[in-house]
Amino acid sequence: MSYELFMEYYQQAQEILANNTFQEYGIIGLFLNSLLSATALPLPTEILTSALLIGGENIILVGSVLVVGSTIGGVLNYFIGFGGKKLFNKFKKTKNEKQDEHKKKHNKLLDKFGWSAIFFAAWIPVIGDLILISAGVQKMKFSKFSIFMISGKIVKTVIVVAGLGTLF
């Protein structure tokens, strides 16, 4: 499959998921959108958040749903890393040096910035999700991980929802 064809499919999927599918379901769609966007699928939640706020949805409800959906997605990322390493090694036949090098880069980010990387992971599409997966791989303490991840997601959500709320 060529890169151009892949990008065309990717853009079409993103337009469908971001604009129509989730909007039809309102708050439940926002929950699903935020859950999926927190699990390494770069779906924009801001479009649907704006649409719901323009439609008169309660700003507290919108913010709460975003936090809950993205938090569950972040926890899923952690457990993918925590248990996925064993599963991956079980099915992996040969070691691929490129994959090992790629994993080391994410672990370096996590090692360099520590718990602040977990906090700011909510702000970084895709790479932030990989940082959360790396936290699971490194078997970081879940309670501390949860505090930093949830705090980061709450701060991001408050800023985004309050910013969009003042516009609309």
C-alpha atoms as a PDB file:
ATOM      1  CA  MET A   1       0.000   0.000   0.000  1.00  0.00           C
ATOM      2  CA  SER A   2       1.450   3.343  -0.957  1.00  0.00           C
ATOM      3  CA  TYR A   3       1.880   6.178   1.487  1.00  0.00           C
ATOM      4  CA  GLU A   4      -0.519   8.427  -0.431  1.00  0.00           C
ATOM      5  CA  LEU A   5      -3.270   5.803  -0.404  1.00  0.00           C
ATOM      6  CA  PHE A   6      -2.749   5.182   3.307  1.00  0.00           C
ATOM      7  CA  MET A   7      -2.962   8.911   4.056  1.00  0.00           C
ATOM      8  CA  GLU A   8      -6.140   9.227   1.973  1.00  0.00           C
ATOM      9  CA  TYR A   9      -7.807   6.396   3.925  1.00  0.00           C
ATOM     10  CA  TYR A  10      -6.549   7.841   7.177  1.00  0.00           C
ATOM     11  CA  GLN A  11      -7.959  11.315   6.408  1.00  0.00           C
ATOM     12  CA  GLN A  12     -11.309   9.865   5.336  1.00  0.00           C
ATOM     13  CA  ALA A  13     -11.551   7.801   8.519  1.00  0.00           C
ATOM     14  CA  GLN A  14     -10.661  10.811  10.644  1.00  0.00           C
ATOM     15  CA  GLU A  15     -13.311  12.980   8.947  1.00  0.00           C
ATOM     16  CA  ILE A  16     -15.988  10.331   9.408  1.00  0.00           C
ATOM     17  CA  LEU A  17     -15.153   9.629  13.037  1.00  0.00           C
ATOM     18  CA  ALA A  18     -14.518  13.226  14.095  1.00  0.00           C
ATOM     19  CA  ASN A  19     -17.394  14.955  12.389  1.00  0.00           C
ATOM     20  CA  ASN A  20     -20.410  12.733  11.935  1.00  0.00           C
ATOM     21  CA  THR A  21     -20.383   9.475  13.804  1.00  0.00           C
ATOM     22  CA  PHE A  22     -19.658  10.804  17.276  1.00  0.00           C
ATOM     23  CA  GLN A  23     -21.854  13.909  16.876  1.00  0.00           C
ATOM     24  CA  GLU A  24     -24.935  11.788  16.335  1.00  0.00           C
ATOM     25  CA  TYR A  25     -24.538  10.302  19.823  1.00  0.00           C
ATOM     26  CA  GLY A  26     -23.892  13.536  21.729  1.00  0.00           C
ATOM     27  CA  ILE A  27     -22.314  13.010  25.152  1.00  0.00           C
ATOM     28  CA  ILE A  28     -21.936   9.253  24.622  1.00  0.00           C
ATOM     29  CA  GLY A  29     -20.185  10.013  21.335  1.00  0.00           C
ATOM     30  CA  LEU A  30     -17.903  12.456  23.144  1.00  0.00           C
ATOM     31  CA  PHE A  31     -17.046   9.755  25.683  1.00  0.00           C
ATOM     32  CA  LEU A  32     -16.193   7.270  22.909  1.00  0.00           C
ATOM     33  CA  ASN A  33     -14.258   9.938  21.001  1.00  0.00           C
ATOM     34  CA  SER A  34     -12.179  10.860  24.056  1.00  0.00           C
ATOM     35  CA  LEU A  35     -11.619   7.194  24.936  1.00  0.00           C
ATOM     36  CA  LEU A  36     -10.383   6.345  21.444  1.00  0.00           C
ATOM     37  CA  SER A  37      -8.304   9.515  21.122  1.00  0.00           C
ATOM     38  CA  ALA A  38      -6.535   8.602  24.377  1.00  0.00           C
ATOM     39  CA  THR A  39      -5.535   5.188  22.990  1.00  0.00           C
ATOM     40  CA  ALA A  40      -3.077   6.178  20.250  1.00  0.00           C
ATOM     41  CA  LEU A  41      -5.736   7.103  17.671  1.00  0.00           C
ATOM     42  CA  PRO A  42      -5.217  10.786  16.901  1.00  0.00           C
ATOM     43  CA  LEU A  43      -8.901  11.731  16.773  1.00  0.00           C
ATOM     44  CA  PRO A  44      -9.597  15.370  17.603  1.00  0.00           C
ATOM     45  CA  THR A  45     -11.992  15.793  20.535  1.00  0.00           C
ATOM     46  CA  GLU A  46     -12.111  19.562  20.170  1.00  0.00           C
ATOM     47  CA  ILE A  47     -14.456  19.473  17.158  1.00  0.00           C
ATOM     48  CA  LEU A  48     -17.124  17.499  18.973  1.00  0.00           C
ATOM     49  CA  THR A  49     -16.575  19.452  22.197  1.00  0.00           C
ATOM     50  CA  SER A  50     -17.180  22.687  20.287  1.00  0.00           C
ATOM     51  CA  ALA A  51     -20.290  21.276  18.621  1.00  0.00           C
ATOM     52  CA  LEU A  52     -21.755  20.179  21.950  1.00  0.00           C
ATOM     53  CA  LEU A  53     -21.006  23.516  23.605  1.00  0.00           C
ATOM     54  CA  ILE A  54     -22.544  25.409  20.681  1.00  0.00           C
ATOM     55  CA  GLY A  55     -25.571  23.136  20.990  1.00  0.00           C
ATOM     56  CA  GLY A  56     -26.001  24.273  24.598  1.00  0.00           C
ATOM     57  CA  GLU A  57     -24.692  21.203  26.405  1.00  0.00           C
ATOM     58  CA  ASN A  58     -23.671  21.715  30.048  1.00  0.00           C
ATOM     59  CA  ILE A  59     -19.991  22.684  30.216  1.00  0.00           C
ATOM     60  CA  ILE A  60     -19.432  20.672  33.432  1.00  0.00           C
ATOM     61  CA  LEU A  61     -20.940  17.553  31.848  1.00  0.00           C
ATOM     62  CA  VAL A  62     -18.801  17.959  28.728  1.00  0.00           C
ATOM     63  CA  GLY A  63     -15.634  18.396  30.807  1.00  0.00           C
ATOM     64  CA  SER A  64     -16.466  15.447  33.059  1.00  0.00           C
ATOM     65  CA  VAL A  65     -17.111  13.140  30.117  1.00  0.00           C
ATOM     66  CA  LEU A  66     -13.833  14.183  28.484  1.00  0.00           C
ATOM     67  CA  VAL A  67     -11.870  13.517  31.678  1.00  0.00           C
ATOM     68  CA  VAL A  68     -13.499  10.124  32.297  1.00  0.00           C
ATOM     69  CA  GLY A  69     -13.084   8.939  28.679  1.00  0.00           C
ATOM     70  CA  SER A  70      -9.484  10.063  28.349  1.00  0.00           C
ATOM     71  CA  THR A  71      -8.596   8.678  31.790  1.00  0.00           C
ATOM     72  CA  ILE A  72      -9.949   5.250  30.913  1.00  0.00           C
ATOM     73  CA  GLY A  73      -7.965   5.413  27.663  1.00  0.00           C
ATOM     74  CA  GLY A  74      -4.801   6.332  29.584  1.00  0.00           C
ATOM     75  CA  VAL A  75      -5.319   3.444  32.007  1.00  0.00           C
ATOM     76  CA  LEU A  76      -5.794   1.105  29.041  1.00  0.00           C
ATOM     77  CA  ASN A  77      -2.486   2.344  27.630  1.00  0.00           C
ATOM     78  CA  TYR A  78      -0.763   1.634  30.940  1.00  0.00           C
ATOM     79  CA  PHE A  79      -2.113  -1.912  31.076  1.00  0.00           C
ATOM     80  CA  ILE A  80      -1.293  -2.507  27.413  1.00  0.00           C
ATOM     81  CA  GLY A  81       2.317  -1.747  28.337  1.00  0.00           C
ATOM     82  CA  PHE A  82       2.143  -3.614  31.647  1.00  0.00           C
ATOM     83  CA  GLY A  83       0.771  -6.892  30.297  1.00  0.00           C
ATOM     84  CA  GLY A  84       1.373  -6.417  26.615  1.00  0.00           C
ATOM     85  CA  LYS A  85       5.113  -6.881  26.911  1.00  0.00           C
ATOM     86  CA  LYS A  86       4.657 -10.497  27.993  1.00  0.00           C
ATOM     87  CA  LEU A  87       2.100 -11.112  25.274  1.00  0.00           C
ATOM     88  CA  PHE A  88       4.282  -9.446  22.646  1.00  0.00           C
ATOM     89  CA  ASN A  89       7.339 -11.484  23.666  1.00  0.00           C
ATOM     90  CA  LYS A  90       5.291 -14.670  23.611  1.00  0.00           C
ATOM     91  CA  PHE A  91       4.304 -14.203  19.958  1.00  0.00           C
ATOM     92  CA  LYS A  92       7.506 -12.568  18.799  1.00  0.00           C
ATOM     93  CA  LYS A  93       9.739 -15.030  16.977  1.00  0.00           C
ATOM     94  CA  THR A  94      12.812 -12.896  16.346  1.00  0.00           C
ATOM     95  CA  LYS A  95      14.107  -9.691  17.851  1.00  0.00           C
ATOM     96  CA  ASN A  96      13.857  -6.693  15.606  1.00  0.00           C
ATOM     97  CA  GLU A  97      16.553  -4.119  16.360  1.00  0.00           C
ATOM     98  CA  LYS A  98      14.469  -1.266  14.962  1.00  0.00           C
ATOM     99  CA  GLN A  99      11.618  -2.008  17.358  1.00  0.00           C
ATOM    100  CA  ASP A 100      14.019  -2.205  20.286  1.00  0.00           C
ATOM    101  CA  GLU A 101      15.555   1.129  19.279  1.00  0.00           C
ATOM    102  CA  HIS A 102      12.072   2.687  18.970  1.00  0.00           C
ATOM    103  CA  LYS A 103      11.105   1.444  22.454  1.00  0.00           C
ATOM    104  CA  LYS A 104      14.309   2.812  23.931  1.00  0.00           C
ATOM    105  CA  LYS A 105      13.474   6.322  22.626  1.00  0.00           C
ATOM    106  CA  HIS A 106      10.142   6.365  24.483  1.00  0.00           C
ATOM    107  CA  ASN A 107      11.771   4.957  27.593  1.00  0.00           C
ATOM    108  CA  LYS A 108      14.442   7.676  27.355  1.00  0.00           C
ATOM    109  CA  LEU A 109      11.713  10.334  27.288  1.00  0.00           C
ATOM    110  CA  LEU A 110      10.134   8.763  30.333  1.00  0.00           C
ATOM    111  CA  ASP A 111      13.487   8.397  32.103  1.00  0.00           C
ATOM    112  CA  LYS A 112      14.536  11.958  31.281  1.00  0.00           C
ATOM    113  CA  PHE A 113      11.321  13.736  32.302  1.00  0.00           C
ATOM    114  CA  GLY A 114      10.006  11.204  34.833  1.00  0.00           C
ATOM    115  CA  TRP A 115       6.594  11.851  36.309  1.00  0.00           C
ATOM    116  CA  SER A 116       6.231  15.177  34.476  1.00  0.00           C
ATOM    117  CA  ALA A 117       6.203  13.188  31.224  1.00  0.00           C
ATOM    118  CA  ILE A 118       3.144  11.333  32.533  1.00  0.00           C
ATOM    119  CA  PHE A 119       1.484  14.642  33.464  1.00  0.00           C
ATOM    120  CA  PHE A 120       2.124  16.252  30.063  1.00  0.00           C
ATOM    121  CA  ALA A 121       1.348  13.101  28.055  1.00  0.00           C
ATOM    122  CA  ALA A 122      -2.255  14.329  27.737  1.00  0.00           C
ATOM    123  CA  TRP A 123      -1.032  17.254  25.644  1.00  0.00           C
ATOM    124  CA  ILE A 124       1.044  15.253  23.175  1.00  0.00           C
ATOM    125  CA  PRO A 125      -0.915  13.308  20.538  1.00  0.00           C
ATOM    126  CA  VAL A 126       0.258   9.731  19.867  1.00  0.00           C
ATOM    127  CA  ILE A 127       3.670  10.173  21.562  1.00  0.00           C
ATOM    128  CA  GLY A 128       1.911  10.919  24.851  1.00  0.00           C
ATOM    129  CA  ASP A 129       0.004   7.668  24.514  1.00  0.00           C
ATOM    130  CA  LEU A 130       3.259   5.833  23.862  1.00  0.00           C
ATOM    131  CA  ILE A 131       4.717   7.419  26.990  1.00  0.00           C
ATOM    132  CA  LEU A 132       1.798   6.001  29.002  1.00  0.00           C
ATOM    133  CA  ILE A 133       2.376   2.582  27.429  1.00  0.00           C
ATOM    134  CA  SER A 134       6.083   2.873  28.326  1.00  0.00           C
ATOM    135  CA  ALA A 135       5.082   3.610  31.931  1.00  0.00           C
ATOM    136  CA  GLY A 136       3.266   0.278  31.952  1.00  0.00           C
ATOM    137  CA  VAL A 137       6.220  -1.498  30.395  1.00  0.00           C
ATOM    138  CA  GLN A 138       8.478  -0.069  33.108  1.00  0.00           C
ATOM    139  CA  LYS A 139       5.884  -1.141  35.688  1.00  0.00           C
ATOM    140  CA  MET A 140       5.721   2.266  37.316  1.00  0.00           C
ATOM    141  CA  LYS A 141       3.697   2.413  40.512  1.00  0.00           C
ATOM    142  CA  PHE A 142       0.061   2.524  39.372  1.00  0.00           C
ATOM    143  CA  SER A 143      -1.227   4.790  42.135  1.00  0.00           C
ATOM    144  CA  LYS A 144       1.389   7.459  41.445  1.00  0.00           C
ATOM    145  CA  PHE A 145       0.937   6.986  37.688  1.00  0.00           C
ATOM    146  CA  SER A 146      -2.819   7.528  38.110  1.00  0.00           C
ATOM    147  CA  ILE A 147      -2.371  10.724  40.100  1.00  0.00           C
ATOM    148  CA  PHE A 148      -0.055  12.314  37.528  1.00  0.00           C
ATOM    149  CA  MET A 149      -2.003  11.101  34.489  1.00  0.00           C
ATOM    150  CA  ILE A 150      -5.423  12.123  35.811  1.00  0.00           C
ATOM    151  CA  SER A 151      -4.070  15.504  36.965  1.00  0.00           C
ATOM    152  CA  GLY A 152      -2.656  16.160  33.500  1.00  0.00           C
ATOM    153  CA  LYS A 153      -5.884  15.156  31.801  1.00  0.00           C
ATOM    154  CA  ILE A 154      -7.977  17.323  34.158  1.00  0.00           C
ATOM    155  CA  VAL A 155      -5.777  20.382  33.582  1.00  0.00           C
ATOM    156  CA  LYS A 156      -5.883  19.906  29.813  1.00  0.00           C
ATOM    157  CA  THR A 157      -9.651  19.369  29.816  1.00  0.00           C
ATOM    158  CA  VAL A 158     -10.334  22.416  31.991  1.00  0.00           C
ATOM    159  CA  ILE A 159      -8.220  24.625  29.736  1.00  0.00           C
ATOM    160  CA  VAL A 160      -9.743  23.263  26.506  1.00  0.00           C
ATOM    161  CA  VAL A 161     -13.366  23.228  27.686  1.00  0.00           C
ATOM    162  CA  ALA A 162     -13.118  26.604  29.421  1.00  0.00           C
ATOM    163  CA  GLY A 163     -11.419  28.088  26.366  1.00  0.00           C
ATOM    164  CA  LEU A 164     -14.002  26.695  23.978  1.00  0.00           C
ATOM    165  CA  GLY A 165     -16.808  27.553  26.421  1.00  0.00           C
ATOM    166  CA  THR A 166     -15.825  31.219  26.401  1.00  0.00           C
ATOM    167  CA  LEU A 167     -15.764  31.235  22.607  1.00  0.00           C
ATOM    168  CA  PHE A 168     -19.165  29.631  22.267  1.00  0.00           C
END
